[in-house]
Amino acid sequence: MCRRYGVLWAYDYEGEGIKVSGPTKAYVRGKALEFHFCLRLTEPEAVARLPIDHFDGLNSFEDLPRDGRCVADYWF
């Protein structure tokens, strides 16, 4: 699923590292998988310095080394 969107993902627990306010659009697959889209309406400064973690979800299912890039390198 992740390869098809080509988006920046944020993973954490709602109310801890991630805070959502306002409406989202949701896509639900089955009973256990939900994707909520915020349409990138956050203020850029709030996420600009978050590091990008890469994950090989196709072959090894392992985290890949960080390359030093952050959200600002992809988004702005």
C-alpha atoms as a PDB file:
ATOM      1  CA  MET A   1       0.000   0.000   0.000  1.00  0.00           C
ATOM      2  CA  CYS A   2       2.705   2.500   0.955  1.00  0.00           C
ATOM      3  CA  ARG A   3       4.484   2.377  -2.406  1.00  0.00           C
ATOM      4  CA  ARG A   4       1.358   3.448  -4.265  1.00  0.00           C
ATOM      5  CA  TYR A   5       0.878   6.847  -2.659  1.00  0.00           C
ATOM      6  CA  GLY A   6       4.320   8.451  -3.018  1.00  0.00           C
ATOM      7  CA  VAL A   7       3.652  10.660  -0.004  1.00  0.00           C
ATOM      8  CA  LEU A   8       5.326  11.713   3.194  1.00  0.00           C
ATOM      9  CA  TRP A   9       4.072   9.537   6.030  1.00  0.00           C
ATOM     10  CA  ALA A  10       4.017  10.337   9.725  1.00  0.00           C
ATOM     11  CA  TYR A  11       3.846   7.391  12.104  1.00  0.00           C
ATOM     12  CA  ASP A  12       3.179   7.708  15.803  1.00  0.00           C
ATOM     13  CA  TYR A  13       0.325   7.468  18.253  1.00  0.00           C
ATOM     14  CA  GLU A  14      -2.399  10.099  18.092  1.00  0.00           C
ATOM     15  CA  GLY A  15      -2.178  12.372  21.114  1.00  0.00           C
ATOM     16  CA  GLU A  16       1.528  11.651  21.650  1.00  0.00           C
ATOM     17  CA  GLY A  17       3.871  12.645  18.819  1.00  0.00           C
ATOM     18  CA  ILE A  18       1.063  13.370  16.375  1.00  0.00           C
ATOM     19  CA  LYS A  19      -1.736  15.804  17.036  1.00  0.00           C
ATOM     20  CA  VAL A  20      -4.624  16.036  14.584  1.00  0.00           C
ATOM     21  CA  SER A  21      -7.041  18.916  14.498  1.00  0.00           C
ATOM     22  CA  GLY A  22      -9.772  19.493  11.992  1.00  0.00           C
ATOM     23  CA  PRO A  23     -11.293  17.081   9.528  1.00  0.00           C
ATOM     24  CA  THR A  24      -9.412  14.381   7.662  1.00  0.00           C
ATOM     25  CA  LYS A  25     -10.317  12.262   4.689  1.00  0.00           C
ATOM     26  CA  ALA A  26     -10.156   8.559   5.472  1.00  0.00           C
ATOM     27  CA  TYR A  27      -9.607   5.439   3.420  1.00  0.00           C
ATOM     28  CA  VAL A  28     -10.355   2.192   5.269  1.00  0.00           C
ATOM     29  CA  ARG A  29      -9.125  -1.136   3.982  1.00  0.00           C
ATOM     30  CA  GLY A  30     -10.667  -4.116   5.710  1.00  0.00           C
ATOM     31  CA  LYS A  31     -11.229  -3.715   9.422  1.00  0.00           C
ATOM     32  CA  ALA A  32      -7.706  -3.067  10.662  1.00  0.00           C
ATOM     33  CA  LEU A  33      -6.124  -0.539   8.308  1.00  0.00           C
ATOM     34  CA  GLU A  34      -7.090   3.134   8.150  1.00  0.00           C
ATOM     35  CA  PHE A  35      -5.378   5.949   6.298  1.00  0.00           C
ATOM     36  CA  HIS A  36      -6.282   9.488   7.310  1.00  0.00           C
ATOM     37  CA  PHE A  37      -5.227  12.262   4.970  1.00  0.00           C
ATOM     38  CA  CYS A  38      -4.748  15.800   6.211  1.00  0.00           C
ATOM     39  CA  LEU A  39      -4.007  17.112   2.696  1.00  0.00           C
ATOM     40  CA  ARG A  40      -0.788  18.710   3.985  1.00  0.00           C
ATOM     41  CA  LEU A  41      -2.524  21.578   5.702  1.00  0.00           C
ATOM     42  CA  THR A  42      -0.069  21.784   8.572  1.00  0.00           C
ATOM     43  CA  GLU A  43       2.127  24.819   8.982  1.00  0.00           C
ATOM     44  CA  PRO A  44       5.452  24.056   7.268  1.00  0.00           C
ATOM     45  CA  GLU A  45       7.478  25.152  10.281  1.00  0.00           C
ATOM     46  CA  ALA A  46       5.813  22.503  12.439  1.00  0.00           C
ATOM     47  CA  VAL A  47       7.203  19.617  10.376  1.00  0.00           C
ATOM     48  CA  ALA A  48      10.149  21.068   8.448  1.00  0.00           C
ATOM     49  CA  ARG A  49      12.916  19.637  10.643  1.00  0.00           C
ATOM     50  CA  LEU A  50      11.420  16.170  11.198  1.00  0.00           C
ATOM     51  CA  PRO A  51      13.930  13.568   9.999  1.00  0.00           C
ATOM     52  CA  ILE A  52      12.951  11.234   7.187  1.00  0.00           C
ATOM     53  CA  ASP A  53      13.279   7.545   8.007  1.00  0.00           C
ATOM     54  CA  HIS A  54      13.409   5.085   5.150  1.00  0.00           C
ATOM     55  CA  PHE A  55      11.986   1.574   5.388  1.00  0.00           C
ATOM     56  CA  ASP A  56      12.431  -1.304   2.981  1.00  0.00           C
ATOM     57  CA  GLY A  57       8.898  -2.643   2.981  1.00  0.00           C
ATOM     58  CA  LEU A  58       9.379  -4.646  -0.197  1.00  0.00           C
ATOM     59  CA  ASN A  59      12.317  -6.954   0.418  1.00  0.00           C
ATOM     60  CA  SER A  60      13.717  -6.947   3.938  1.00  0.00           C
ATOM     61  CA  PHE A  61      11.140  -5.087   6.063  1.00  0.00           C
ATOM     62  CA  GLU A  62      14.015  -3.346   7.836  1.00  0.00           C
ATOM     63  CA  ASP A  63      14.769   0.279   8.552  1.00  0.00           C
ATOM     64  CA  LEU A  64      17.340   1.782   6.213  1.00  0.00           C
ATOM     65  CA  PRO A  65      20.032   4.184   7.453  1.00  0.00           C
ATOM     66  CA  ARG A  66      19.059   7.848   7.747  1.00  0.00           C
ATOM     67  CA  ASP A  67      20.582   9.992   5.037  1.00  0.00           C
ATOM     68  CA  GLY A  68      20.316  13.288   6.923  1.00  0.00           C
ATOM     69  CA  ARG A  69      17.332  14.606   4.975  1.00  0.00           C
ATOM     70  CA  CYS A  70      14.266  16.029   6.656  1.00  0.00           C
ATOM     71  CA  VAL A  71      10.725  16.917   5.561  1.00  0.00           C
ATOM     72  CA  ALA A  72      11.841  20.320   4.259  1.00  0.00           C
ATOM     73  CA  ASP A  73      14.150  18.618   1.758  1.00  0.00           C
ATOM     74  CA  TYR A  74      11.193  16.863   0.145  1.00  0.00           C
ATOM     75  CA  TRP A  75       8.274  19.175   0.698  1.00  0.00           C
ATOM     76  CA  PHE A  76       9.443  22.759   0.223  1.00  0.00           C
END
